[in-house]
């Protein structure tokens, strides 16, 4: 019995995990229905379906993606004024300055909510291309694709976060 309990304890504690959750992706199909997945500096991230969506607005010229999880981590991406469905959209660089992406971490202090902190890593952070958003499929109800970018914590410690292997399969909303 002690051997079984020891083996069970070793098995349960040897499973790897990280605080972002998720399984990564990258080909537009790596994300399950309704969620966004990515690697943030190599750590897996997965959003919750209830707090993730893709909104097409301004007569179809804008795409806004919002995705968050229960750990206070979130992504926001926007293609503004140039969205036209499936294709590759640069984040930053020349005329693409309106296309952007952010990764946000909010740490809530439950003992004193006024001490809560939010850090934002944004792209672009200079005049260079910081990544891309690739829309692989758009239907009446879904937007699928993949993305990657490097974001800088411009209002904080100036650190850079590398976002890779990102993919999404999100419910589509239309607002004109």
C-alpha atoms as a PDB file:
ATOM      1  CA  UNK A   1       0.000   0.000   0.000  1.00  0.00           C
ATOM      2  CA  UNK A   2       2.842   2.419   0.807  1.00  0.00           C
ATOM      3  CA  UNK A   3       4.409   1.631  -2.579  1.00  0.00           C
ATOM      4  CA  UNK A   4       1.131   2.440  -4.389  1.00  0.00           C
ATOM      5  CA  UNK A   5       0.741   5.700  -2.471  1.00  0.00           C
ATOM      6  CA  UNK A   6       4.352   6.694  -3.182  1.00  0.00           C
ATOM      7  CA  UNK A   7       4.024   5.931  -6.884  1.00  0.00           C
ATOM      8  CA  UNK A   8       0.756   7.879  -7.024  1.00  0.00           C
ATOM      9  CA  UNK A   9       2.316  10.893  -5.322  1.00  0.00           C
ATOM     10  CA  UNK A  10       5.336  10.849  -7.646  1.00  0.00           C
ATOM     11  CA  UNK A  11       3.106  10.532 -10.696  1.00  0.00           C
ATOM     12  CA  UNK A  12       0.829  13.387  -9.672  1.00  0.00           C
ATOM     13  CA  UNK A  13       3.625  15.771  -8.726  1.00  0.00           C
ATOM     14  CA  UNK A  14       5.751  15.051 -11.786  1.00  0.00           C
ATOM     15  CA  UNK A  15       3.185  16.404 -14.260  1.00  0.00           C
ATOM     16  CA  UNK A  16       4.407  19.667 -15.686  1.00  0.00           C
ATOM     17  CA  UNK A  17       2.354  22.799 -15.649  1.00  0.00           C
ATOM     18  CA  UNK A  18       2.775  26.531 -15.732  1.00  0.00           C
ATOM     19  CA  UNK A  19       0.699  29.386 -14.472  1.00  0.00           C
ATOM     20  CA  UNK A  20      -0.530  30.523 -17.895  1.00  0.00           C
ATOM     21  CA  UNK A  21      -2.253  27.263 -18.890  1.00  0.00           C
ATOM     22  CA  UNK A  22      -2.874  26.308 -22.481  1.00  0.00           C
ATOM     23  CA  UNK A  23      -1.277  24.183 -25.124  1.00  0.00           C
ATOM     24  CA  UNK A  24       0.234  26.606 -27.595  1.00  0.00           C
ATOM     25  CA  UNK A  25      -0.639  26.609 -31.230  1.00  0.00           C
ATOM     26  CA  UNK A  26       0.549  28.308 -34.343  1.00  0.00           C
ATOM     27  CA  UNK A  27      -1.207  27.070 -37.472  1.00  0.00           C
ATOM     28  CA  UNK A  28      -4.593  28.632 -36.830  1.00  0.00           C
ATOM     29  CA  UNK A  29      -5.972  25.247 -35.843  1.00  0.00           C
ATOM     30  CA  UNK A  30      -3.964  24.828 -32.636  1.00  0.00           C
ATOM     31  CA  UNK A  31      -6.519  26.762 -30.654  1.00  0.00           C
ATOM     32  CA  UNK A  32      -9.688  25.018 -29.603  1.00  0.00           C
ATOM     33  CA  UNK A  33     -13.031  26.523 -30.473  1.00  0.00           C
ATOM     34  CA  UNK A  34     -13.545  29.897 -28.819  1.00  0.00           C
ATOM     35  CA  UNK A  35     -10.035  30.395 -27.411  1.00  0.00           C
ATOM     36  CA  UNK A  36      -6.650  31.937 -28.096  1.00  0.00           C
ATOM     37  CA  UNK A  37      -3.417  30.103 -27.263  1.00  0.00           C
ATOM     38  CA  UNK A  38       0.212  31.229 -27.411  1.00  0.00           C
ATOM     39  CA  UNK A  39       3.617  30.945 -25.829  1.00  0.00           C
ATOM     40  CA  UNK A  40       4.718  33.924 -23.738  1.00  0.00           C
ATOM     41  CA  UNK A  41       8.498  33.758 -23.336  1.00  0.00           C
ATOM     42  CA  UNK A  42       8.118  29.989 -23.822  1.00  0.00           C
ATOM     43  CA  UNK A  43       5.292  29.550 -21.276  1.00  0.00           C
ATOM     44  CA  UNK A  44       1.896  28.289 -22.442  1.00  0.00           C
ATOM     45  CA  UNK A  45      -1.093  30.615 -22.365  1.00  0.00           C
ATOM     46  CA  UNK A  46      -4.760  29.828 -23.031  1.00  0.00           C
ATOM     47  CA  UNK A  47      -7.699  32.185 -22.814  1.00  0.00           C
ATOM     48  CA  UNK A  48     -11.202  31.351 -21.639  1.00  0.00           C
ATOM     49  CA  UNK A  49     -13.919  31.117 -24.283  1.00  0.00           C
ATOM     50  CA  UNK A  50     -16.290  33.289 -22.238  1.00  0.00           C
ATOM     51  CA  UNK A  51     -13.832  36.201 -22.338  1.00  0.00           C
ATOM     52  CA  UNK A  52     -12.493  35.841 -25.894  1.00  0.00           C
ATOM     53  CA  UNK A  53     -13.899  37.225 -29.133  1.00  0.00           C
ATOM     54  CA  UNK A  54     -13.132  38.716 -32.531  1.00  0.00           C
ATOM     55  CA  UNK A  55     -15.083  41.822 -33.535  1.00  0.00           C
ATOM     56  CA  UNK A  56     -15.297  43.080 -37.100  1.00  0.00           C
ATOM     57  CA  UNK A  57     -16.268  46.771 -37.147  1.00  0.00           C
ATOM     58  CA  UNK A  58     -16.288  49.956 -39.219  1.00  0.00           C
ATOM     59  CA  UNK A  59     -17.982  48.326 -42.231  1.00  0.00           C
ATOM     60  CA  UNK A  60     -15.519  45.435 -42.109  1.00  0.00           C
ATOM     61  CA  UNK A  61     -12.340  47.562 -42.088  1.00  0.00           C
ATOM     62  CA  UNK A  62     -11.364  46.864 -38.448  1.00  0.00           C
ATOM     63  CA  UNK A  63     -10.703  43.614 -36.606  1.00  0.00           C
ATOM     64  CA  UNK A  64     -10.377  43.669 -32.818  1.00  0.00           C
ATOM     65  CA  UNK A  65      -9.400  40.527 -30.901  1.00  0.00           C
ATOM     66  CA  UNK A  66      -9.764  40.342 -27.118  1.00  0.00           C
ATOM     67  CA  UNK A  67      -8.825  37.243 -25.097  1.00  0.00           C
ATOM     68  CA  UNK A  68      -8.230  36.818 -21.359  1.00  0.00           C
ATOM     69  CA  UNK A  69      -7.938  34.094 -18.742  1.00  0.00           C
ATOM     70  CA  UNK A  70      -8.753  33.781 -15.056  1.00  0.00           C
ATOM     71  CA  UNK A  71      -5.129  34.480 -14.032  1.00  0.00           C
ATOM     72  CA  UNK A  72      -5.319  38.154 -14.994  1.00  0.00           C
ATOM     73  CA  UNK A  73      -3.458  37.689 -18.293  1.00  0.00           C
ATOM     74  CA  UNK A  74      -4.891  39.009 -21.553  1.00  0.00           C
ATOM     75  CA  UNK A  75      -4.215  39.658 -25.221  1.00  0.00           C
ATOM     76  CA  UNK A  76      -5.603  42.432 -27.374  1.00  0.00           C
ATOM     77  CA  UNK A  77      -4.886  42.782 -31.085  1.00  0.00           C
ATOM     78  CA  UNK A  78      -6.258  45.207 -33.636  1.00  0.00           C
ATOM     79  CA  UNK A  79      -6.092  45.691 -37.380  1.00  0.00           C
ATOM     80  CA  UNK A  80      -7.476  49.171 -37.999  1.00  0.00           C
ATOM     81  CA  UNK A  81      -8.670  50.631 -41.269  1.00  0.00           C
ATOM     82  CA  UNK A  82      -7.067  48.003 -43.507  1.00  0.00           C
ATOM     83  CA  UNK A  83      -8.789  44.747 -42.539  1.00  0.00           C
ATOM     84  CA  UNK A  84     -10.137  42.841 -45.553  1.00  0.00           C
ATOM     85  CA  UNK A  85     -10.481  39.239 -44.389  1.00  0.00           C
ATOM     86  CA  UNK A  86      -7.967  36.379 -44.670  1.00  0.00           C
ATOM     87  CA  UNK A  87      -4.386  37.509 -45.184  1.00  0.00           C
ATOM     88  CA  UNK A  88      -1.224  38.596 -43.377  1.00  0.00           C
ATOM     89  CA  UNK A  89      -1.177  41.884 -41.460  1.00  0.00           C
ATOM     90  CA  UNK A  90       2.087  43.322 -40.140  1.00  0.00           C
ATOM     91  CA  UNK A  91       2.120  44.715 -36.596  1.00  0.00           C
ATOM     92  CA  UNK A  92       3.874  48.058 -36.896  1.00  0.00           C
ATOM     93  CA  UNK A  93       6.295  49.284 -39.524  1.00  0.00           C
ATOM     94  CA  UNK A  94       5.419  52.186 -41.799  1.00  0.00           C
ATOM     95  CA  UNK A  95       1.715  52.395 -42.626  1.00  0.00           C
ATOM     96  CA  UNK A  96       0.969  49.444 -40.330  1.00  0.00           C
ATOM     97  CA  UNK A  97       1.431  51.558 -37.198  1.00  0.00           C
ATOM     98  CA  UNK A  98      -2.334  51.325 -36.516  1.00  0.00           C
ATOM     99  CA  UNK A  99      -2.080  47.526 -36.310  1.00  0.00           C
ATOM    100  CA  UNK A 100      -1.103  46.604 -32.798  1.00  0.00           C
ATOM    101  CA  UNK A 101      -1.010  43.955 -30.116  1.00  0.00           C
ATOM    102  CA  UNK A 102      -0.670  43.902 -26.340  1.00  0.00           C
ATOM    103  CA  UNK A 103      -0.080  41.319 -23.654  1.00  0.00           C
ATOM    104  CA  UNK A 104      -1.312  42.435 -20.225  1.00  0.00           C
ATOM    105  CA  UNK A 105      -0.709  40.979 -16.760  1.00  0.00           C
ATOM    106  CA  UNK A 106      -2.859  42.181 -13.867  1.00  0.00           C
ATOM    107  CA  UNK A 107      -1.925  41.101 -10.360  1.00  0.00           C
ATOM    108  CA  UNK A 108      -4.817  41.666  -7.986  1.00  0.00           C
ATOM    109  CA  UNK A 109      -4.011  42.168  -4.308  1.00  0.00           C
ATOM    110  CA  UNK A 110      -7.107  40.693  -2.665  1.00  0.00           C
ATOM    111  CA  UNK A 111      -6.104  42.100   0.734  1.00  0.00           C
ATOM    112  CA  UNK A 112      -5.831  45.618  -0.659  1.00  0.00           C
ATOM    113  CA  UNK A 113      -7.248  45.967  -4.202  1.00  0.00           C
ATOM    114  CA  UNK A 114      -5.806  49.493  -4.491  1.00  0.00           C
ATOM    115  CA  UNK A 115      -2.342  47.872  -4.491  1.00  0.00           C
ATOM    116  CA  UNK A 116      -3.171  45.826  -7.606  1.00  0.00           C
ATOM    117  CA  UNK A 117      -0.777  46.253 -10.537  1.00  0.00           C
ATOM    118  CA  UNK A 118      -1.095  46.004 -14.294  1.00  0.00           C
ATOM    119  CA  UNK A 119       1.813  45.682 -16.710  1.00  0.00           C
ATOM    120  CA  UNK A 120       1.391  45.991 -20.481  1.00  0.00           C
ATOM    121  CA  UNK A 121       3.769  44.765 -23.175  1.00  0.00           C
ATOM    122  CA  UNK A 122       2.854  46.519 -26.420  1.00  0.00           C
ATOM    123  CA  UNK A 123       3.725  46.133 -30.069  1.00  0.00           C
ATOM    124  CA  UNK A 124       4.780  48.061 -31.983  1.00  0.00           C
ATOM    125  CA  UNK A 125       7.020  49.989 -29.633  1.00  0.00           C
ATOM    126  CA  UNK A 126       9.154  51.708 -32.276  1.00  0.00           C
ATOM    127  CA  UNK A 127       8.948  52.193 -36.063  1.00  0.00           C
ATOM    128  CA  UNK A 128       9.913  48.595 -36.882  1.00  0.00           C
ATOM    129  CA  UNK A 129       7.660  45.621 -37.652  1.00  0.00           C
ATOM    130  CA  UNK A 130       7.099  43.833 -34.316  1.00  0.00           C
ATOM    131  CA  UNK A 131       5.209  40.775 -35.579  1.00  0.00           C
ATOM    132  CA  UNK A 132       2.212  39.715 -37.618  1.00  0.00           C
ATOM    133  CA  UNK A 133      -1.384  38.584 -37.444  1.00  0.00           C
ATOM    134  CA  UNK A 134      -2.388  36.010 -40.063  1.00  0.00           C
ATOM    135  CA  UNK A 135      -6.100  35.489 -40.639  1.00  0.00           C
ATOM    136  CA  UNK A 136      -6.498  32.000 -42.105  1.00  0.00           C
ATOM    137  CA  UNK A 137     -10.293  31.781 -42.154  1.00  0.00           C
ATOM    138  CA  UNK A 138     -13.296  34.018 -41.609  1.00  0.00           C
ATOM    139  CA  UNK A 139     -16.888  32.777 -41.694  1.00  0.00           C
ATOM    140  CA  UNK A 140     -20.181  34.292 -40.573  1.00  0.00           C
ATOM    141  CA  UNK A 141     -19.520  33.006 -37.033  1.00  0.00           C
ATOM    142  CA  UNK A 142     -15.731  32.458 -36.610  1.00  0.00           C
ATOM    143  CA  UNK A 143     -12.348  34.093 -37.168  1.00  0.00           C
ATOM    144  CA  UNK A 144      -9.301  31.797 -37.164  1.00  0.00           C
ATOM    145  CA  UNK A 145      -5.637  32.611 -37.480  1.00  0.00           C
ATOM    146  CA  UNK A 146      -2.229  32.799 -35.913  1.00  0.00           C
ATOM    147  CA  UNK A 147       0.102  35.506 -34.660  1.00  0.00           C
ATOM    148  CA  UNK A 148       3.457  36.364 -33.137  1.00  0.00           C
ATOM    149  CA  UNK A 149       5.007  39.552 -31.840  1.00  0.00           C
ATOM    150  CA  UNK A 150       7.555  41.048 -29.493  1.00  0.00           C
ATOM    151  CA  UNK A 151       6.108  43.490 -26.990  1.00  0.00           C
ATOM    152  CA  UNK A 152       7.850  46.021 -24.779  1.00  0.00           C
ATOM    153  CA  UNK A 153       6.791  47.114 -21.303  1.00  0.00           C
ATOM    154  CA  UNK A 154       7.178  50.783 -22.258  1.00  0.00           C
ATOM    155  CA  UNK A 155       5.667  52.183 -19.042  1.00  0.00           C
ATOM    156  CA  UNK A 156       7.424  49.729 -16.751  1.00  0.00           C
ATOM    157  CA  UNK A 157      10.779  48.007 -16.666  1.00  0.00           C
ATOM    158  CA  UNK A 158      11.297  48.218 -20.474  1.00  0.00           C
ATOM    159  CA  UNK A 159      11.454  44.418 -20.673  1.00  0.00           C
ATOM    160  CA  UNK A 160      10.592  42.574 -23.884  1.00  0.00           C
ATOM    161  CA  UNK A 161       8.220  39.590 -24.019  1.00  0.00           C
ATOM    162  CA  UNK A 162       8.338  37.280 -27.023  1.00  0.00           C
ATOM    163  CA  UNK A 163       4.924  35.988 -28.037  1.00  0.00           C
ATOM    164  CA  UNK A 164       5.180  32.949 -30.325  1.00  0.00           C
ATOM    165  CA  UNK A 165       3.105  30.034 -31.623  1.00  0.00           C
ATOM    166  CA  UNK A 166      -0.080  32.066 -31.196  1.00  0.00           C
ATOM    167  CA  UNK A 167      -3.337  30.873 -32.678  1.00  0.00           C
ATOM    168  CA  UNK A 168      -7.011  31.653 -32.241  1.00  0.00           C
ATOM    169  CA  UNK A 169     -10.375  30.222 -33.214  1.00  0.00           C
ATOM    170  CA  UNK A 170     -12.793  32.870 -31.974  1.00  0.00           C
ATOM    171  CA  UNK A 171     -16.464  33.640 -32.141  1.00  0.00           C
ATOM    172  CA  UNK A 172     -17.049  36.515 -34.559  1.00  0.00           C
ATOM    173  CA  UNK A 173     -19.152  39.574 -33.764  1.00  0.00           C
ATOM    174  CA  UNK A 174     -20.013  42.250 -36.310  1.00  0.00           C
ATOM    175  CA  UNK A 175     -20.524  45.915 -35.344  1.00  0.00           C
ATOM    176  CA  UNK A 176     -21.001  48.582 -38.000  1.00  0.00           C
END
